[in-house]
Amino acid sequence: MSVKAKYVEGVFRPLERVPDATPGKIYRVFSEDEIRELRESLLWLGAAAKSFEFWNNAEDAVYDNL
């Protein structure tokens, strides 16, 4: 779930309705910069995963579930 929020008088207030929000439950709000960094990290992880494809073989399969 991604919700934009505004910081007002020490409280983050959502700018839109939050579906299925539970009173008392803690939600984490990310800034636009943090969201961009997370997206970039996921892209780099996807690119790096290709470097380890040589380990996908029957000989090393015994280590897959460790």
PDB file of N, CA and C in Angstrom:
ATOM      1  N   MET A   1       0.846  -1.160   0.000  1.00  0.00           N
ATOM      2  CA  MET A   1       0.000   0.000   0.000  1.00  0.00           C
ATOM      3  C   MET A   1       0.900   1.233   0.000  1.00  0.00           C
ATOM      4  N   SER A   2       0.549   2.196  -0.790  1.00  0.00           N
ATOM      5  CA  SER A   2       1.289   3.447  -0.864  1.00  0.00           C
ATOM      6  C   SER A   2       0.313   4.600  -0.653  1.00  0.00           C
ATOM      7  N   VAL A   3       0.573   5.408   0.365  1.00  0.00           N
ATOM      8  CA  VAL A   3      -0.318   6.518   0.691  1.00  0.00           C
ATOM      9  C   VAL A   3       0.521   7.765   0.914  1.00  0.00           C
ATOM     10  N   LYS A   4       0.122   8.861   0.311  1.00  0.00           N
ATOM     11  CA  LYS A   4       0.805  10.126   0.551  1.00  0.00           C
ATOM     12  C   LYS A   4       0.265  10.723   1.845  1.00  0.00           C
ATOM     13  N   ALA A   5       1.167  11.340   2.619  1.00  0.00           N
ATOM     14  CA  ALA A   5       0.785  11.926   3.902  1.00  0.00           C
ATOM     15  C   ALA A   5       1.408  13.304   4.041  1.00  0.00           C
ATOM     16  N   LYS A   6       0.790  14.115   4.881  1.00  0.00           N
ATOM     17  CA  LYS A   6       1.256  15.474   5.149  1.00  0.00           C
ATOM     18  C   LYS A   6       1.564  15.561   6.639  1.00  0.00           C
ATOM     19  N   TYR A   7       2.701  16.179   6.979  1.00  0.00           N
ATOM     20  CA  TYR A   7       3.113  16.308   8.379  1.00  0.00           C
ATOM     21  C   TYR A   7       2.513  17.592   8.941  1.00  0.00           C
ATOM     22  N   VAL A   8       1.607  17.471   9.912  1.00  0.00           N
ATOM     23  CA  VAL A   8       0.916  18.613  10.494  1.00  0.00           C
ATOM     24  C   VAL A   8       0.945  18.505  12.010  1.00  0.00           C
ATOM     25  N   GLU A   9       1.545  19.487  12.668  1.00  0.00           N
ATOM     26  CA  GLU A   9       1.575  19.545  14.138  1.00  0.00           C
ATOM     27  C   GLU A   9       2.058  18.241  14.766  1.00  0.00           C
ATOM     28  N   GLY A  10       3.135  17.692  14.225  1.00  0.00           N
ATOM     29  CA  GLY A  10       3.744  16.485  14.791  1.00  0.00           C
ATOM     30  C   GLY A  10       3.072  15.180  14.415  1.00  0.00           C
ATOM     31  N   VAL A  11       2.120  15.235  13.473  1.00  0.00           N
ATOM     32  CA  VAL A  11       1.394  14.028  13.079  1.00  0.00           C
ATOM     33  C   VAL A  11       1.374  13.925  11.557  1.00  0.00           C
ATOM     34  N   PHE A  12       1.609  12.711  11.040  1.00  0.00           N
ATOM     35  CA  PHE A  12       1.475  12.467   9.606  1.00  0.00           C
ATOM     36  C   PHE A  12       0.001  12.181   9.324  1.00  0.00           C
ATOM     37  N   ARG A  13      -0.609  13.013   8.496  1.00  0.00           N
ATOM     38  CA  ARG A  13      -2.023  12.847   8.148  1.00  0.00           C
ATOM     39  C   ARG A  13      -2.117  12.407   6.681  1.00  0.00           C
ATOM     40  N   PRO A  14      -2.830  11.304   6.423  1.00  0.00           N
ATOM     41  CA  PRO A  14      -2.956  10.843   5.041  1.00  0.00           C
ATOM     42  C   PRO A  14      -3.707  11.866   4.190  1.00  0.00           C
ATOM     43  N   LEU A  15      -3.290  12.003   2.939  1.00  0.00           N
ATOM     44  CA  LEU A  15      -3.939  12.919   2.007  1.00  0.00           C
ATOM     45  C   LEU A  15      -5.085  12.244   1.261  1.00  0.00           C
ATOM     46  N   GLU A  16      -5.263  10.962   1.479  1.00  0.00           N
ATOM     47  CA  GLU A  16      -6.342  10.216   0.829  1.00  0.00           C
ATOM     48  C   GLU A  16      -6.845   9.159   1.803  1.00  0.00           C
ATOM     49  N   ARG A  17      -7.978   8.600   1.502  1.00  0.00           N
ATOM     50  CA  ARG A  17      -8.544   7.565   2.359  1.00  0.00           C
ATOM     51  C   ARG A  17      -7.646   6.328   2.325  1.00  0.00           C
ATOM     52  N   VAL A  18      -7.405   5.751   3.497  1.00  0.00           N
ATOM     53  CA  VAL A  18      -6.576   4.549   3.598  1.00  0.00           C
ATOM     54  C   VAL A  18      -7.507   3.350   3.764  1.00  0.00           C
ATOM     55  N   PRO A  19      -7.630   2.512   2.723  1.00  0.00           N
ATOM     56  CA  PRO A  19      -8.539   1.366   2.828  1.00  0.00           C
ATOM     57  C   PRO A  19      -8.058   0.373   3.881  1.00  0.00           C
ATOM     58  N   ASP A  20      -8.982  -0.133   4.647  1.00  0.00           N
ATOM     59  CA  ASP A  20      -8.705  -1.161   5.664  1.00  0.00           C
ATOM     60  C   ASP A  20      -7.709  -0.717   6.722  1.00  0.00           C
ATOM     61  N   ALA A  21      -7.628   0.590   7.010  1.00  0.00           N
ATOM     62  CA  ALA A  21      -6.740   1.067   8.072  1.00  0.00           C
ATOM     63  C   ALA A  21      -7.296   0.624   9.422  1.00  0.00           C
ATOM     64  N   THR A  22      -6.399   0.201  10.305  1.00  0.00           N
ATOM     65  CA  THR A  22      -6.791  -0.274  11.627  1.00  0.00           C
ATOM     66  C   THR A  22      -6.329   0.724  12.675  1.00  0.00           C
ATOM     67  N   PRO A  23      -7.233   1.249  13.503  1.00  0.00           N
ATOM     68  CA  PRO A  23      -6.820   2.174  14.564  1.00  0.00           C
ATOM     69  C   PRO A  23      -5.781   1.527  15.483  1.00  0.00           C
ATOM     70  N   GLY A  24      -4.743   2.252  15.789  1.00  0.00           N
ATOM     71  CA  GLY A  24      -3.690   1.758  16.669  1.00  0.00           C
ATOM     72  C   GLY A  24      -2.583   1.001  15.953  1.00  0.00           C
ATOM     73  N   LYS A  25      -2.813   0.590  14.724  1.00  0.00           N
ATOM     74  CA  LYS A  25      -1.783  -0.119  13.961  1.00  0.00           C
ATOM     75  C   LYS A  25      -0.747   0.883  13.468  1.00  0.00           C
ATOM     76  N   ILE A  26       0.501   0.478  13.447  1.00  0.00           N
ATOM     77  CA  ILE A  26       1.593   1.357  13.020  1.00  0.00           C
ATOM     78  C   ILE A  26       1.844   1.151  11.530  1.00  0.00           C
ATOM     79  N   TYR A  27       1.843   2.254  10.792  1.00  0.00           N
ATOM     80  CA  TYR A  27       2.119   2.239   9.364  1.00  0.00           C
ATOM     81  C   TYR A  27       3.385   3.038   9.112  1.00  0.00           C
ATOM     82  N   ARG A  28       4.141   2.670   8.113  1.00  0.00           N
ATOM     83  CA  ARG A  28       5.375   3.372   7.773  1.00  0.00           C
ATOM     84  C   ARG A  28       5.126   4.229   6.537  1.00  0.00           C
ATOM     85  N   VAL A  29       5.558   5.484   6.629  1.00  0.00           N
ATOM     86  CA  VAL A  29       5.407   6.426   5.529  1.00  0.00           C
ATOM     87  C   VAL A  29       6.788   6.699   4.953  1.00  0.00           C
ATOM     88  N   PHE A  30       6.944   6.560   3.634  1.00  0.00           N
ATOM     89  CA  PHE A  30       8.215   6.807   2.961  1.00  0.00           C
ATOM     90  C   PHE A  30       8.147   8.113   2.188  1.00  0.00           C
ATOM     91  N   SER A  31       9.271   8.806   2.140  1.00  0.00           N
ATOM     92  CA  SER A  31       9.346  10.015   1.315  1.00  0.00           C
ATOM     93  C   SER A  31       9.514   9.600  -0.144  1.00  0.00           C
ATOM     94  N   GLU A  32       9.303  10.546  -1.050  1.00  0.00           N
ATOM     95  CA  GLU A  32       9.491  10.269  -2.477  1.00  0.00           C
ATOM     96  C   GLU A  32      10.929   9.820  -2.753  1.00  0.00           C
ATOM     97  N   ASP A  33      11.910  10.438  -2.085  1.00  0.00           N
ATOM     98  CA  ASP A  33      13.316  10.040  -2.262  1.00  0.00           C
ATOM     99  C   ASP A  33      13.552   8.604  -1.821  1.00  0.00           C
ATOM    100  N   GLU A  34      12.961   8.216  -0.691  1.00  0.00           N
ATOM    101  CA  GLU A  34      13.128   6.849  -0.201  1.00  0.00           C
ATOM    102  C   GLU A  34      12.488   5.839  -1.155  1.00  0.00           C
ATOM    103  N   ILE A  35      11.330   6.178  -1.681  1.00  0.00           N
ATOM    104  CA  ILE A  35      10.660   5.281  -2.630  1.00  0.00           C
ATOM    105  C   ILE A  35      11.501   5.136  -3.893  1.00  0.00           C
ATOM    106  N   ARG A  36      12.069   6.231  -4.385  1.00  0.00           N
ATOM    107  CA  ARG A  36      12.920   6.174  -5.577  1.00  0.00           C
ATOM    108  C   ARG A  36      14.146   5.301  -5.309  1.00  0.00           C
ATOM    109  N   GLU A  37      14.768   5.460  -4.125  1.00  0.00           N
ATOM    110  CA  GLU A  37      15.938   4.645  -3.777  1.00  0.00           C
ATOM    111  C   GLU A  37      15.579   3.160  -3.708  1.00  0.00           C
ATOM    112  N   LEU A  38      14.405   2.843  -3.146  1.00  0.00           N
ATOM    113  CA  LEU A  38      13.971   1.446  -3.080  1.00  0.00           C
ATOM    114  C   LEU A  38      13.773   0.860  -4.476  1.00  0.00           C
ATOM    115  N   ARG A  39      13.153   1.634  -5.355  1.00  0.00           N
ATOM    116  CA  ARG A  39      12.951   1.161  -6.736  1.00  0.00           C
ATOM    117  C   ARG A  39      14.284   0.919  -7.429  1.00  0.00           C
ATOM    118  N   GLU A  40      15.226   1.863  -7.267  1.00  0.00           N
ATOM    119  CA  GLU A  40      16.539   1.702  -7.886  1.00  0.00           C
ATOM    120  C   GLU A  40      17.264   0.487  -7.332  1.00  0.00           C
ATOM    121  N   SER A  41      17.158   0.273  -6.025  1.00  0.00           N
ATOM    122  CA  SER A  41      17.805  -0.888  -5.408  1.00  0.00           C
ATOM    123  C   SER A  41      17.252  -2.184  -5.968  1.00  0.00           C
ATOM    124  N   LEU A  42      15.928  -2.238  -6.145  1.00  0.00           N
ATOM    125  CA  LEU A  42      15.325  -3.446  -6.708  1.00  0.00           C
ATOM    126  C   LEU A  42      15.796  -3.686  -8.130  1.00  0.00           C
ATOM    127  N   LEU A  43      15.937  -2.625  -8.901  1.00  0.00           N
ATOM    128  CA  LEU A  43      16.437  -2.776 -10.271  1.00  0.00           C
ATOM    129  C   LEU A  43      17.871  -3.297 -10.272  1.00  0.00           C
ATOM    130  N   TRP A  44      18.716  -2.751  -9.391  1.00  0.00           N
ATOM    131  CA  TRP A  44      20.105  -3.219  -9.316  1.00  0.00           C
ATOM    132  C   TRP A  44      20.171  -4.669  -8.848  1.00  0.00           C
ATOM    133  N   LEU A  45      19.312  -5.041  -7.897  1.00  0.00           N
ATOM    134  CA  LEU A  45      19.294  -6.431  -7.439  1.00  0.00           C
ATOM    135  C   LEU A  45      18.901  -7.377  -8.576  1.00  0.00           C
ATOM    136  N   GLY A  46      17.932  -6.960  -9.376  1.00  0.00           N
ATOM    137  CA  GLY A  46      17.530  -7.771 -10.527  1.00  0.00           C
ATOM    138  C   GLY A  46      18.659  -7.927 -11.523  1.00  0.00           C
ATOM    139  N   ALA A  47      19.393  -6.839 -11.748  1.00  0.00           N
ATOM    140  CA  ALA A  47      20.521  -6.901 -12.677  1.00  0.00           C
ATOM    141  C   ALA A  47      21.635  -7.786 -12.119  1.00  0.00           C
ATOM    142  N   ALA A  48      21.890  -7.686 -10.814  1.00  0.00           N
ATOM    143  CA  ALA A  48      22.951  -8.475 -10.189  1.00  0.00           C
ATOM    144  C   ALA A  48      22.598  -9.964 -10.164  1.00  0.00           C
ATOM    145  N   ALA A  49      21.317 -10.278 -10.061  1.00  0.00           N
ATOM    146  CA  ALA A  49      20.901 -11.684  -9.985  1.00  0.00           C
ATOM    147  C   ALA A  49      21.348 -12.465 -11.215  1.00  0.00           C
ATOM    148  N   LYS A  50      21.408 -11.809 -12.353  1.00  0.00           N
ATOM    149  CA  LYS A  50      21.842 -12.480 -13.576  1.00  0.00           C
ATOM    150  C   LYS A  50      23.291 -12.947 -13.472  1.00  0.00           C
ATOM    151  N   SER A  51      24.083 -12.259 -12.641  1.00  0.00           N
ATOM    152  CA  SER A  51      25.492 -12.624 -12.479  1.00  0.00           C
ATOM    153  C   SER A  51      25.664 -13.964 -11.768  1.00  0.00           C
ATOM    154  N   PHE A  52      24.622 -14.396 -11.057  1.00  0.00           N
ATOM    155  CA  PHE A  52      24.731 -15.626 -10.272  1.00  0.00           C
ATOM    156  C   PHE A  52      23.986 -16.797 -10.901  1.00  0.00           C
ATOM    157  N   GLU A  53      23.558 -16.654 -12.140  1.00  0.00           N
ATOM    158  CA  GLU A  53      22.824 -17.729 -12.802  1.00  0.00           C
ATOM    159  C   GLU A  53      23.657 -18.991 -12.978  1.00  0.00           C
ATOM    160  N   PHE A  54      24.989 -18.856 -12.979  1.00  0.00           N
ATOM    161  CA  PHE A  54      25.838 -20.040 -13.150  1.00  0.00           C
ATOM    162  C   PHE A  54      25.670 -21.013 -11.985  1.00  0.00           C
ATOM    163  N   TRP A  55      25.128 -20.553 -10.843  1.00  0.00           N
ATOM    164  CA  TRP A  55      24.903 -21.444  -9.709  1.00  0.00           C
ATOM    165  C   TRP A  55      23.619 -22.249  -9.861  1.00  0.00           C
ATOM    166  N   ASN A  56      22.795 -21.935 -10.830  1.00  0.00           N
ATOM    167  CA  ASN A  56      21.548 -22.675 -11.052  1.00  0.00           C
ATOM    168  C   ASN A  56      21.840 -23.914 -11.879  1.00  0.00           C
ATOM    169  N   ASN A  57      22.313 -24.949 -11.188  1.00  0.00           N
ATOM    170  CA  ASN A  57      22.602 -26.205 -11.877  1.00  0.00           C
ATOM    171  C   ASN A  57      22.329 -27.374 -10.934  1.00  0.00           C
ATOM    172  N   ALA A  58      22.223 -28.541 -11.474  1.00  0.00           N
ATOM    173  CA  ALA A  58      21.889 -29.733 -10.685  1.00  0.00           C
ATOM    174  C   ALA A  58      22.953 -30.040  -9.636  1.00  0.00           C
ATOM    175  N   GLU A  59      24.196 -29.770  -9.945  1.00  0.00           N
ATOM    176  CA  GLU A  59      25.288 -30.077  -9.023  1.00  0.00           C
ATOM    177  C   GLU A  59      25.183 -29.259  -7.730  1.00  0.00           C
ATOM    178  N   ASP A  60      24.776 -27.997  -7.836  1.00  0.00           N
ATOM    179  CA  ASP A  60      24.667 -27.123  -6.671  1.00  0.00           C
ATOM    180  C   ASP A  60      23.266 -27.086  -6.066  1.00  0.00           C
ATOM    181  N   ALA A  61      22.326 -27.832  -6.614  1.00  0.00           N
ATOM    182  CA  ALA A  61      20.939 -27.804  -6.152  1.00  0.00           C
ATOM    183  C   ALA A  61      20.798 -28.190  -4.682  1.00  0.00           C
ATOM    184  N   VAL A  62      21.719 -28.986  -4.174  1.00  0.00           N
ATOM    185  CA  VAL A  62      21.663 -29.413  -2.780  1.00  0.00           C
ATOM    186  C   VAL A  62      21.737 -28.203  -1.839  1.00  0.00           C
ATOM    187  N   TYR A  63      22.344 -27.116  -2.270  1.00  0.00           N
ATOM    188  CA  TYR A  63      22.497 -25.922  -1.426  1.00  0.00           C
ATOM    189  C   TYR A  63      21.311 -24.954  -1.524  1.00  0.00           C
ATOM    190  N   ASP A  64      20.371 -25.194  -2.410  1.00  0.00           N
ATOM    191  CA  ASP A  64      19.258 -24.266  -2.635  1.00  0.00           C
ATOM    192  C   ASP A  64      18.363 -24.093  -1.424  1.00  0.00           C
ATOM    193  N   ASN A  65      18.239 -25.083  -0.579  1.00  0.00           N
ATOM    194  CA  ASN A  65      17.318 -25.011   0.552  1.00  0.00           C
ATOM    195  C   ASN A  65      17.996 -24.768   1.886  1.00  0.00           C
ATOM    196  N   LEU A  66      19.230 -24.333   1.869  1.00  0.00           N
ATOM    197  CA  LEU A  66      19.930 -24.059   3.136  1.00  0.00           C
ATOM    198  C   LEU A  66      19.481 -22.765   3.732  1.00  0.00           C
TER     199      LEU A  66
END
